[in-house]
Amino acid sequence: MPGAPHWELAPLSMAWEDLNPEQLCEVLKNRSLNGDRSLEVLVEHMDADALVLWGWEPGGNRSTPPLDHPEFMVALRAWADAGGPCR
């Protein structure tokens, strides 16, 4: 199985493919859909969770995010520090 030791299929609540950026923002902040994470905990999760980090080094011919992880974390922290605005 790819990913981290706790890798498993994502729940339906993480079916983000057809969401626009505003909708994705709202889902990420929704504690009933994000593992009951506050913005602060969400930032910590994105910074340290092995499965999240795997996305930047997935191996094989898999694509990676458009930002490297440090750039992503700067943007994520700025968003969270601003209160997680979606508009």
N, C-alpha and C. Protein backbone atom coordinates (compact mmCIF):
# COMPACT_ATOMS: atom_id res chain seq x y z
N MET A 1 0.83 -1.18 0.00
CA MET A 1 0.00 0.00 0.00
C MET A 1 0.88 1.24 0.00
N PRO A 2 0.50 2.25 -0.76
CA PRO A 2 1.28 3.47 -0.76
C PRO A 2 1.06 4.28 0.51
N GLY A 3 1.94 5.24 0.72
CA GLY A 3 1.73 6.20 1.81
C GLY A 3 2.32 5.78 3.13
N ALA A 4 1.75 6.29 4.18
CA ALA A 4 2.24 6.09 5.54
C ALA A 4 1.67 4.82 6.15
N PRO A 5 2.19 4.42 7.31
CA PRO A 5 1.70 3.19 7.94
C PRO A 5 0.19 3.16 8.18
N HIS A 6 -0.43 4.30 8.39
CA HIS A 6 -1.87 4.32 8.64
C HIS A 6 -2.68 4.63 7.37
N TRP A 7 -2.06 4.38 6.21
CA TRP A 7 -2.73 4.66 4.94
C TRP A 7 -3.96 3.79 4.80
N GLU A 8 -5.04 4.39 4.34
CA GLU A 8 -6.27 3.67 4.00
C GLU A 8 -7.04 4.56 3.03
N LEU A 9 -8.04 4.01 2.42
CA LEU A 9 -8.86 4.83 1.53
C LEU A 9 -9.46 6.00 2.29
N ALA A 10 -9.48 7.14 1.64
CA ALA A 10 -10.05 8.33 2.28
C ALA A 10 -11.56 8.17 2.41
N PRO A 11 -12.13 8.75 3.47
CA PRO A 11 -13.59 8.70 3.60
C PRO A 11 -14.25 9.59 2.55
N LEU A 12 -15.52 9.37 2.32
CA LEU A 12 -16.24 10.18 1.34
C LEU A 12 -16.18 11.66 1.65
N SER A 13 -16.04 12.03 2.92
CA SER A 13 -15.95 13.44 3.29
C SER A 13 -14.69 14.10 2.73
N MET A 14 -13.74 13.30 2.23
CA MET A 14 -12.53 13.84 1.63
C MET A 14 -12.57 13.75 0.10
N ALA A 15 -13.73 13.62 -0.48
CA ALA A 15 -13.88 13.61 -1.93
C ALA A 15 -13.91 15.06 -2.40
N TRP A 16 -12.74 15.62 -2.63
CA TRP A 16 -12.58 17.05 -2.89
C TRP A 16 -12.45 17.41 -4.37
N GLU A 17 -12.44 16.43 -5.25
CA GLU A 17 -12.12 16.67 -6.66
C GLU A 17 -12.99 17.75 -7.31
N ASP A 18 -14.27 17.77 -7.03
CA ASP A 18 -15.17 18.68 -7.72
C ASP A 18 -15.46 19.96 -6.93
N LEU A 19 -14.74 20.17 -5.85
CA LEU A 19 -14.97 21.38 -5.05
C LEU A 19 -14.19 22.56 -5.61
N ASN A 20 -14.81 23.73 -5.59
CA ASN A 20 -14.06 24.93 -5.95
C ASN A 20 -13.24 25.34 -4.72
N PRO A 21 -12.31 26.28 -4.85
CA PRO A 21 -11.45 26.65 -3.72
C PRO A 21 -12.23 27.09 -2.47
N GLU A 22 -13.30 27.83 -2.65
CA GLU A 22 -14.10 28.27 -1.49
C GLU A 22 -14.73 27.09 -0.78
N GLN A 23 -15.28 26.15 -1.54
CA GLN A 23 -15.89 24.96 -0.94
C GLN A 23 -14.84 24.11 -0.22
N LEU A 24 -13.67 23.94 -0.83
CA LEU A 24 -12.61 23.18 -0.19
C LEU A 24 -12.19 23.84 1.12
N CYS A 25 -12.08 25.14 1.12
CA CYS A 25 -11.74 25.88 2.32
C CYS A 25 -12.74 25.60 3.43
N GLU A 26 -14.01 25.65 3.10
CA GLU A 26 -15.05 25.41 4.10
C GLU A 26 -14.99 23.98 4.64
N VAL A 27 -14.72 23.02 3.77
CA VAL A 27 -14.60 21.63 4.20
C VAL A 27 -13.40 21.46 5.14
N LEU A 28 -12.26 22.07 4.77
CA LEU A 28 -11.07 21.95 5.60
C LEU A 28 -11.29 22.50 7.00
N LYS A 29 -12.10 23.54 7.12
CA LYS A 29 -12.35 24.15 8.42
C LYS A 29 -13.47 23.47 9.21
N ASN A 30 -14.24 22.65 8.55
CA ASN A 30 -15.39 22.00 9.19
C ASN A 30 -14.90 20.86 10.07
N ARG A 31 -14.97 21.07 11.37
CA ARG A 31 -14.43 20.09 12.32
C ARG A 31 -15.14 18.74 12.24
N SER A 32 -16.38 18.73 11.77
CA SER A 32 -17.07 17.44 11.64
C SER A 32 -16.56 16.67 10.41
N LEU A 33 -15.81 17.34 9.54
CA LEU A 33 -15.27 16.69 8.34
C LEU A 33 -13.75 16.61 8.33
N ASN A 34 -13.06 17.28 9.26
CA ASN A 34 -11.60 17.34 9.21
C ASN A 34 -10.92 16.61 10.36
N GLY A 35 -11.61 15.69 10.99
CA GLY A 35 -11.03 14.97 12.12
C GLY A 35 -11.08 15.76 13.42
N ASP A 36 -12.02 16.69 13.50
CA ASP A 36 -12.21 17.55 14.68
C ASP A 36 -10.97 18.37 14.98
N ARG A 37 -10.37 18.94 13.93
CA ARG A 37 -9.15 19.73 14.08
C ARG A 37 -9.46 21.23 14.03
N SER A 38 -8.92 21.96 14.99
CA SER A 38 -8.94 23.42 14.94
C SER A 38 -7.97 23.85 13.85
N LEU A 39 -7.97 25.13 13.50
CA LEU A 39 -7.00 25.61 12.50
C LEU A 39 -5.57 25.34 12.95
N GLU A 40 -5.29 25.58 14.23
CA GLU A 40 -3.95 25.35 14.76
C GLU A 40 -3.55 23.88 14.62
N VAL A 41 -4.46 22.99 14.98
CA VAL A 41 -4.17 21.55 14.89
C VAL A 41 -4.10 21.12 13.43
N LEU A 42 -4.90 21.70 12.57
CA LEU A 42 -4.84 21.39 11.15
C LEU A 42 -3.46 21.75 10.58
N VAL A 43 -2.93 22.90 10.98
CA VAL A 43 -1.59 23.29 10.53
C VAL A 43 -0.56 22.28 11.03
N GLU A 44 -0.63 21.90 12.29
CA GLU A 44 0.30 20.90 12.84
C GLU A 44 0.19 19.58 12.07
N HIS A 45 -1.04 19.18 11.77
CA HIS A 45 -1.28 17.94 11.02
C HIS A 45 -0.63 18.00 9.64
N MET A 46 -0.82 19.10 8.94
CA MET A 46 -0.26 19.24 7.60
C MET A 46 1.26 19.35 7.62
N ASP A 47 1.80 19.77 8.75
CA ASP A 47 3.25 19.93 8.88
C ASP A 47 3.97 18.64 9.24
N ALA A 48 3.29 17.72 9.94
CA ALA A 48 4.01 16.59 10.50
C ALA A 48 3.45 15.21 10.19
N ASP A 49 2.21 15.10 9.74
CA ASP A 49 1.61 13.79 9.51
C ASP A 49 2.32 13.07 8.36
N ALA A 50 2.73 11.85 8.60
CA ALA A 50 3.49 11.10 7.60
C ALA A 50 2.72 10.92 6.29
N LEU A 51 1.44 10.70 6.37
CA LEU A 51 0.66 10.52 5.15
C LEU A 51 0.54 11.82 4.36
N VAL A 52 0.37 12.93 5.05
CA VAL A 52 0.34 14.23 4.36
C VAL A 52 1.69 14.46 3.69
N LEU A 53 2.78 14.24 4.41
CA LEU A 53 4.12 14.47 3.86
C LEU A 53 4.41 13.56 2.67
N TRP A 54 3.83 12.37 2.66
CA TRP A 54 4.03 11.44 1.55
C TRP A 54 3.61 12.07 0.23
N GLY A 55 2.61 12.97 0.28
CA GLY A 55 2.14 13.63 -0.94
C GLY A 55 3.22 14.39 -1.67
N TRP A 56 4.25 14.81 -0.96
CA TRP A 56 5.35 15.55 -1.59
C TRP A 56 6.46 14.62 -2.07
N GLU A 57 6.43 13.36 -1.68
CA GLU A 57 7.40 12.38 -2.14
C GLU A 57 6.71 11.04 -2.37
N PRO A 58 5.76 11.01 -3.32
CA PRO A 58 4.94 9.80 -3.48
C PRO A 58 5.62 8.65 -4.22
N GLY A 59 6.75 8.92 -4.85
CA GLY A 59 7.44 7.88 -5.58
C GLY A 59 6.75 7.54 -6.89
N GLY A 60 7.41 6.70 -7.65
CA GLY A 60 6.87 6.30 -8.95
C GLY A 60 6.66 7.49 -9.85
N ASN A 61 5.67 7.40 -10.68
CA ASN A 61 5.35 8.49 -11.62
C ASN A 61 4.22 9.36 -11.11
N ARG A 62 4.01 9.36 -9.80
CA ARG A 62 2.92 10.15 -9.24
C ARG A 62 3.27 11.64 -9.25
N SER A 63 2.28 12.47 -9.45
CA SER A 63 2.51 13.91 -9.45
C SER A 63 2.57 14.42 -8.02
N THR A 64 3.16 15.59 -7.86
CA THR A 64 3.28 16.22 -6.55
C THR A 64 2.56 17.56 -6.57
N PRO A 65 2.30 18.13 -5.40
CA PRO A 65 1.63 19.43 -5.34
C PRO A 65 2.45 20.52 -6.04
N PRO A 66 1.81 21.60 -6.45
CA PRO A 66 2.51 22.67 -7.17
C PRO A 66 3.49 23.45 -6.30
N LEU A 67 3.30 23.46 -4.98
CA LEU A 67 4.24 24.11 -4.07
C LEU A 67 5.04 23.04 -3.35
N ASP A 68 6.31 23.36 -3.01
CA ASP A 68 7.01 22.40 -2.16
C ASP A 68 6.45 22.54 -0.75
N HIS A 69 6.74 21.58 0.11
CA HIS A 69 6.12 21.56 1.43
C HIS A 69 6.42 22.81 2.26
N PRO A 70 7.67 23.30 2.31
CA PRO A 70 7.91 24.53 3.08
C PRO A 70 7.10 25.73 2.57
N GLU A 71 6.98 25.87 1.26
CA GLU A 71 6.16 26.97 0.70
C GLU A 71 4.69 26.78 1.07
N PHE A 72 4.21 25.56 0.99
CA PHE A 72 2.84 25.26 1.37
C PHE A 72 2.59 25.63 2.82
N MET A 73 3.54 25.29 3.71
CA MET A 73 3.36 25.57 5.13
C MET A 73 3.34 27.07 5.40
N VAL A 74 4.14 27.85 4.70
CA VAL A 74 4.10 29.31 4.86
C VAL A 74 2.71 29.82 4.50
N ALA A 75 2.19 29.37 3.36
CA ALA A 75 0.86 29.81 2.92
C ALA A 75 -0.23 29.33 3.89
N LEU A 76 -0.13 28.08 4.35
CA LEU A 76 -1.13 27.53 5.26
C LEU A 76 -1.12 28.28 6.59
N ARG A 77 0.07 28.56 7.11
CA ARG A 77 0.15 29.30 8.38
C ARG A 77 -0.42 30.71 8.24
N ALA A 78 -0.13 31.36 7.12
CA ALA A 78 -0.68 32.70 6.89
C ALA A 78 -2.19 32.65 6.83
N TRP A 79 -2.74 31.65 6.15
CA TRP A 79 -4.19 31.49 6.07
C TRP A 79 -4.78 31.25 7.45
N ALA A 80 -4.19 30.34 8.23
CA ALA A 80 -4.70 30.04 9.56
C ALA A 80 -4.57 31.25 10.48
N ASP A 81 -3.45 31.97 10.41
CA ASP A 81 -3.25 33.16 11.24
C ASP A 81 -4.28 34.24 10.93
N ALA A 82 -4.77 34.26 9.71
CA ALA A 82 -5.80 35.23 9.30
C ALA A 82 -7.21 34.76 9.65
N GLY A 83 -7.30 33.60 10.31
CA GLY A 83 -8.61 33.08 10.70
C GLY A 83 -9.23 32.13 9.70
N GLY A 84 -8.46 31.72 8.69
CA GLY A 84 -8.97 30.76 7.71
C GLY A 84 -10.01 31.32 6.77
N PRO A 85 -9.77 32.52 6.20
CA PRO A 85 -10.79 33.09 5.32
C PRO A 85 -10.99 32.24 4.06
N CYS A 86 -12.23 32.16 3.62
CA CYS A 86 -12.55 31.38 2.43
C CYS A 86 -12.93 32.27 1.24
N ARG A 87 -12.97 33.56 1.43
CA ARG A 87 -13.35 34.47 0.34
C ARG A 87 -12.32 35.54 0.18
